[in-house]
Structure formats: structure tokens, C-alpha cells
């Protein structure tokens, strides 16, 4: 697991470094040719940056998919699954509180109808 994560991080760093190096080289070439202020030069740099962004997104997607498979293989729950469990737990807690309240009302109703309660004066002494 840590080896996969380490490789993924190194791939991302390598892609970012390669992109930066490529952009710097392209800009250096344009400056050397005297095209630093032309629309052609700006367009080429923008294209290069766009391609680098696309490559970075693709690499992130592959890394994310790989990590998700690894987490699933390890049996780790996703955030969506945890949220679903939290909702179910809250619903169960609410149901329990309703049942407890109904029991308390039922017990209070029996006392008012003249039935003997556990805490009546006759029981104490």
C-alpha cells in the first residue's frame, strides 16, 4: 500500500517537473528566436500548458482509481458509505427515543388510571 502511494506521488511530482521543464524550454526557445512578444509564441506556450494540465488530470485520475481499488481491496469504507451508516444510526436513535417516550407515557397513563405504580406510597412503607 505505501509503495503504491509512494509511486503515485513520485509520478505526480515527475509529471509536474517534466511539464515545468518543457514549458521553460519552449519559452527559452521563443526568447532565443525573438518571438517572446508575438501571438504565436503566447499561443504555443498556452497550448503546451493546456497539454500539461490534461496530462496532470489524467495522471491524477489514474492515481485516484488505483487508490480506490486498493482501499476497496483492503475493505475500507467510502465516505458515502460512512454517511449512509451515520444516517441509519440517527434514524435508529430517533426510533428508540420515540419508543422510550411511548413507554414512559404508557407507564404514566397506568398510574393515573388507578393502577399501582412502583413508586406509590403504599409500596414504600
C-alpha atoms as a PDB file:
ATOM      1  CA  UNK A   1       0.000   0.000   0.000  1.00  0.00           C
ATOM      2  CA  UNK A   2       2.685   2.507   0.952  1.00  0.00           C
ATOM      3  CA  UNK A   3       4.731   1.506  -2.098  1.00  0.00           C
ATOM      4  CA  UNK A   4       1.770   2.254  -4.372  1.00  0.00           C
ATOM      5  CA  UNK A   5       1.140   5.576  -2.674  1.00  0.00           C
ATOM      6  CA  UNK A   6       4.815   6.488  -2.876  1.00  0.00           C
ATOM      7  CA  UNK A   7       4.936   5.591  -6.579  1.00  0.00           C
ATOM      8  CA  UNK A   8       1.799   7.623  -7.236  1.00  0.00           C
ATOM      9  CA  UNK A   9       3.215  10.679  -5.508  1.00  0.00           C
ATOM     10  CA  UNK A  10       6.512  10.340  -7.358  1.00  0.00           C
ATOM     11  CA  UNK A  11       4.641  10.044 -10.675  1.00  0.00           C
ATOM     12  CA  UNK A  12       2.734  13.237  -9.952  1.00  0.00           C
ATOM     13  CA  UNK A  13       5.885  15.099  -8.966  1.00  0.00           C
ATOM     14  CA  UNK A  14       7.677  13.787 -12.047  1.00  0.00           C
ATOM     15  CA  UNK A  15       4.830  14.878 -14.333  1.00  0.00           C
ATOM     16  CA  UNK A  16       4.780  18.351 -12.788  1.00  0.00           C
ATOM     17  CA  UNK A  17       8.558  18.649 -13.075  1.00  0.00           C
ATOM     18  CA  UNK A  18       8.535  17.457 -16.693  1.00  0.00           C
ATOM     19  CA  UNK A  19       5.788  19.921 -17.552  1.00  0.00           C
ATOM     20  CA  UNK A  20       7.674  22.812 -15.980  1.00  0.00           C
ATOM     21  CA  UNK A  21      10.873  21.818 -17.754  1.00  0.00           C
ATOM     22  CA  UNK A  22       9.057  21.562 -21.077  1.00  0.00           C
ATOM     23  CA  UNK A  23       7.445  24.982 -20.637  1.00  0.00           C
ATOM     24  CA  UNK A  24      10.737  26.595 -19.648  1.00  0.00           C
ATOM     25  CA  UNK A  25      12.475  25.049 -22.658  1.00  0.00           C
ATOM     26  CA  UNK A  26       9.754  26.229 -25.035  1.00  0.00           C
ATOM     27  CA  UNK A  27       9.827  29.750 -23.597  1.00  0.00           C
ATOM     28  CA  UNK A  28      13.626  29.747 -23.822  1.00  0.00           C
ATOM     29  CA  UNK A  29      13.442  28.762 -27.483  1.00  0.00           C
ATOM     30  CA  UNK A  30      10.991  31.545 -28.253  1.00  0.00           C
ATOM     31  CA  UNK A  31      13.081  34.110 -26.407  1.00  0.00           C
ATOM     32  CA  UNK A  32      16.174  32.998 -28.292  1.00  0.00           C
ATOM     33  CA  UNK A  33      14.335  33.405 -31.570  1.00  0.00           C
ATOM     34  CA  UNK A  34      12.978  36.824 -30.625  1.00  0.00           C
ATOM     35  CA  UNK A  35       9.345  35.765 -30.553  1.00  0.00           C
ATOM     36  CA  UNK A  36       8.643  36.365 -26.861  1.00  0.00           C
ATOM     37  CA  UNK A  37       6.024  39.050 -27.507  1.00  0.00           C
ATOM     38  CA  UNK A  38       4.302  37.552 -30.544  1.00  0.00           C
ATOM     39  CA  UNK A  39       0.897  35.958 -30.534  1.00  0.00           C
ATOM     40  CA  UNK A  40       2.441  32.815 -31.998  1.00  0.00           C
ATOM     41  CA  UNK A  41       4.729  32.430 -29.003  1.00  0.00           C
ATOM     42  CA  UNK A  42       1.945  33.019 -26.490  1.00  0.00           C
ATOM     43  CA  UNK A  43      -0.299  30.560 -28.310  1.00  0.00           C
ATOM     44  CA  UNK A  44       2.364  27.865 -28.323  1.00  0.00           C
ATOM     45  CA  UNK A  45       3.003  28.307 -24.612  1.00  0.00           C
ATOM     46  CA  UNK A  46      -0.745  28.228 -23.897  1.00  0.00           C
ATOM     47  CA  UNK A  47      -1.072  25.015 -25.906  1.00  0.00           C
ATOM     48  CA  UNK A  48       1.820  23.479 -24.030  1.00  0.00           C
ATOM     49  CA  UNK A  49       0.356  24.455 -20.664  1.00  0.00           C
ATOM     50  CA  UNK A  50      -3.038  23.075 -21.708  1.00  0.00           C
ATOM     51  CA  UNK A  51      -1.495  19.743 -22.687  1.00  0.00           C
ATOM     52  CA  UNK A  52       0.379  19.634 -19.396  1.00  0.00           C
ATOM     53  CA  UNK A  53      -2.852  20.246 -17.476  1.00  0.00           C
ATOM     54  CA  UNK A  54      -4.578  17.462 -19.393  1.00  0.00           C
ATOM     55  CA  UNK A  55      -1.726  15.061 -18.678  1.00  0.00           C
ATOM     56  CA  UNK A  56      -1.787  16.004 -14.990  1.00  0.00           C
ATOM     57  CA  UNK A  57      -5.561  15.430 -14.795  1.00  0.00           C
ATOM     58  CA  UNK A  58      -5.190  12.058 -16.482  1.00  0.00           C
ATOM     59  CA  UNK A  59      -2.397  11.058 -14.081  1.00  0.00           C
ATOM     60  CA  UNK A  60      -4.498  12.145 -11.098  1.00  0.00           C
ATOM     61  CA  UNK A  61      -7.414  10.109 -12.426  1.00  0.00           C
ATOM     62  CA  UNK A  62      -5.260   7.016 -12.744  1.00  0.00           C
ATOM     63  CA  UNK A  63      -3.841   7.531  -9.254  1.00  0.00           C
ATOM     64  CA  UNK A  64      -7.297   8.067  -7.759  1.00  0.00           C
ATOM     65  CA  UNK A  65      -8.664   4.949  -9.440  1.00  0.00           C
ATOM     66  CA  UNK A  66      -5.688   2.919  -8.254  1.00  0.00           C
ATOM     67  CA  UNK A  67      -6.051   4.154  -4.681  1.00  0.00           C
ATOM     68  CA  UNK A  68      -9.793   3.488  -4.678  1.00  0.00           C
ATOM     69  CA  UNK A  69      -9.198  -0.088  -5.849  1.00  0.00           C
ATOM     70  CA  UNK A  70      -6.575  -0.534  -3.150  1.00  0.00           C
ATOM     71  CA  UNK A  71      -8.868   0.871  -0.437  1.00  0.00           C
ATOM     72  CA  UNK A  72     -11.725  -1.330  -1.635  1.00  0.00           C
ATOM     73  CA  UNK A  73      -9.440  -4.383  -1.624  1.00  0.00           C
ATOM     74  CA  UNK A  74      -8.454  -3.567   1.957  1.00  0.00           C
ATOM     75  CA  UNK A  75     -12.124  -3.384   2.923  1.00  0.00           C
ATOM     76  CA  UNK A  76     -12.126   0.315   3.806  1.00  0.00           C
ATOM     77  CA  UNK A  77     -15.464   2.120   3.644  1.00  0.00           C
ATOM     78  CA  UNK A  78     -16.004   5.075   1.326  1.00  0.00           C
ATOM     79  CA  UNK A  79     -17.159   8.434   2.635  1.00  0.00           C
ATOM     80  CA  UNK A  80     -20.566   7.825   1.013  1.00  0.00           C
ATOM     81  CA  UNK A  81     -20.900   4.518   2.851  1.00  0.00           C
ATOM     82  CA  UNK A  82     -19.973   6.177   6.140  1.00  0.00           C
ATOM     83  CA  UNK A  83     -22.526   8.950   5.583  1.00  0.00           C
ATOM     84  CA  UNK A  84     -25.195   6.335   4.845  1.00  0.00           C
ATOM     85  CA  UNK A  85     -24.353   4.478   8.072  1.00  0.00           C
ATOM     86  CA  UNK A  86     -24.473   7.720  10.059  1.00  0.00           C
ATOM     87  CA  UNK A  87     -27.942   8.460   8.644  1.00  0.00           C
ATOM     88  CA  UNK A  88     -29.165   4.959   9.516  1.00  0.00           C
ATOM     89  CA  UNK A  89     -27.764   5.310  13.031  1.00  0.00           C
ATOM     90  CA  UNK A  90     -29.516   8.660  13.514  1.00  0.00           C
ATOM     91  CA  UNK A  91     -32.792   7.105  12.317  1.00  0.00           C
ATOM     92  CA  UNK A  92     -32.422   4.201  14.758  1.00  0.00           C
ATOM     93  CA  UNK A  93     -31.636   6.571  17.632  1.00  0.00           C
ATOM     94  CA  UNK A  94     -34.760   8.567  16.785  1.00  0.00           C
ATOM     95  CA  UNK A  95     -36.910   5.423  16.699  1.00  0.00           C
ATOM     96  CA  UNK A  96     -35.542   4.321  20.078  1.00  0.00           C
ATOM     97  CA  UNK A  97     -36.294   7.706  21.618  1.00  0.00           C
ATOM     98  CA  UNK A  98     -39.879   7.541  20.252  1.00  0.00           C
ATOM     99  CA  UNK A  99     -40.335   4.054  21.721  1.00  0.00           C
ATOM    100  CA  UNK A 100     -38.934   5.159  25.070  1.00  0.00           C
ATOM    101  CA  UNK A 101     -41.237   8.187  25.110  1.00  0.00           C
ATOM    102  CA  UNK A 102     -44.230   5.984  24.273  1.00  0.00           C
ATOM    103  CA  UNK A 103     -43.321   3.598  27.106  1.00  0.00           C
ATOM    104  CA  UNK A 104     -42.999   6.498  29.534  1.00  0.00           C
ATOM    105  CA  UNK A 105     -46.413   7.850  28.512  1.00  0.00           C
ATOM    106  CA  UNK A 106     -47.947   4.409  28.846  1.00  0.00           C
ATOM    107  CA  UNK A 107     -46.476   3.982  32.323  1.00  0.00           C
ATOM    108  CA  UNK A 108     -47.725   7.428  33.366  1.00  0.00           C
ATOM    109  CA  UNK A 109     -51.193   6.615  31.989  1.00  0.00           C
ATOM    110  CA  UNK A 110     -51.405   3.426  34.035  1.00  0.00           C
ATOM    111  CA  UNK A 111     -50.608   5.358  37.212  1.00  0.00           C
ATOM    112  CA  UNK A 112     -53.389   7.878  36.511  1.00  0.00           C
ATOM    113  CA  UNK A 113     -55.954   5.107  35.970  1.00  0.00           C
ATOM    114  CA  UNK A 114     -55.566   3.880  39.492  1.00  0.00           C
ATOM    115  CA  UNK A 115     -53.202   1.053  38.929  1.00  0.00           C
ATOM    116  CA  UNK A 116     -50.461   0.542  41.420  1.00  0.00           C
ATOM    117  CA  UNK A 117     -47.167   2.116  40.373  1.00  0.00           C
ATOM    118  CA  UNK A 118     -43.735   1.061  41.524  1.00  0.00           C
ATOM    119  CA  UNK A 119     -43.199   4.296  43.422  1.00  0.00           C
ATOM    120  CA  UNK A 120     -46.576   4.592  45.175  1.00  0.00           C
ATOM    121  CA  UNK A 121     -46.786   5.499  48.863  1.00  0.00           C
ATOM    122  CA  UNK A 122     -48.248   2.100  49.763  1.00  0.00           C
ATOM    123  CA  UNK A 123     -45.175   0.313  48.354  1.00  0.00           C
ATOM    124  CA  UNK A 124     -42.715   2.423  50.340  1.00  0.00           C
ATOM    125  CA  UNK A 125     -43.774   1.693  53.700  1.00  0.00           C
END
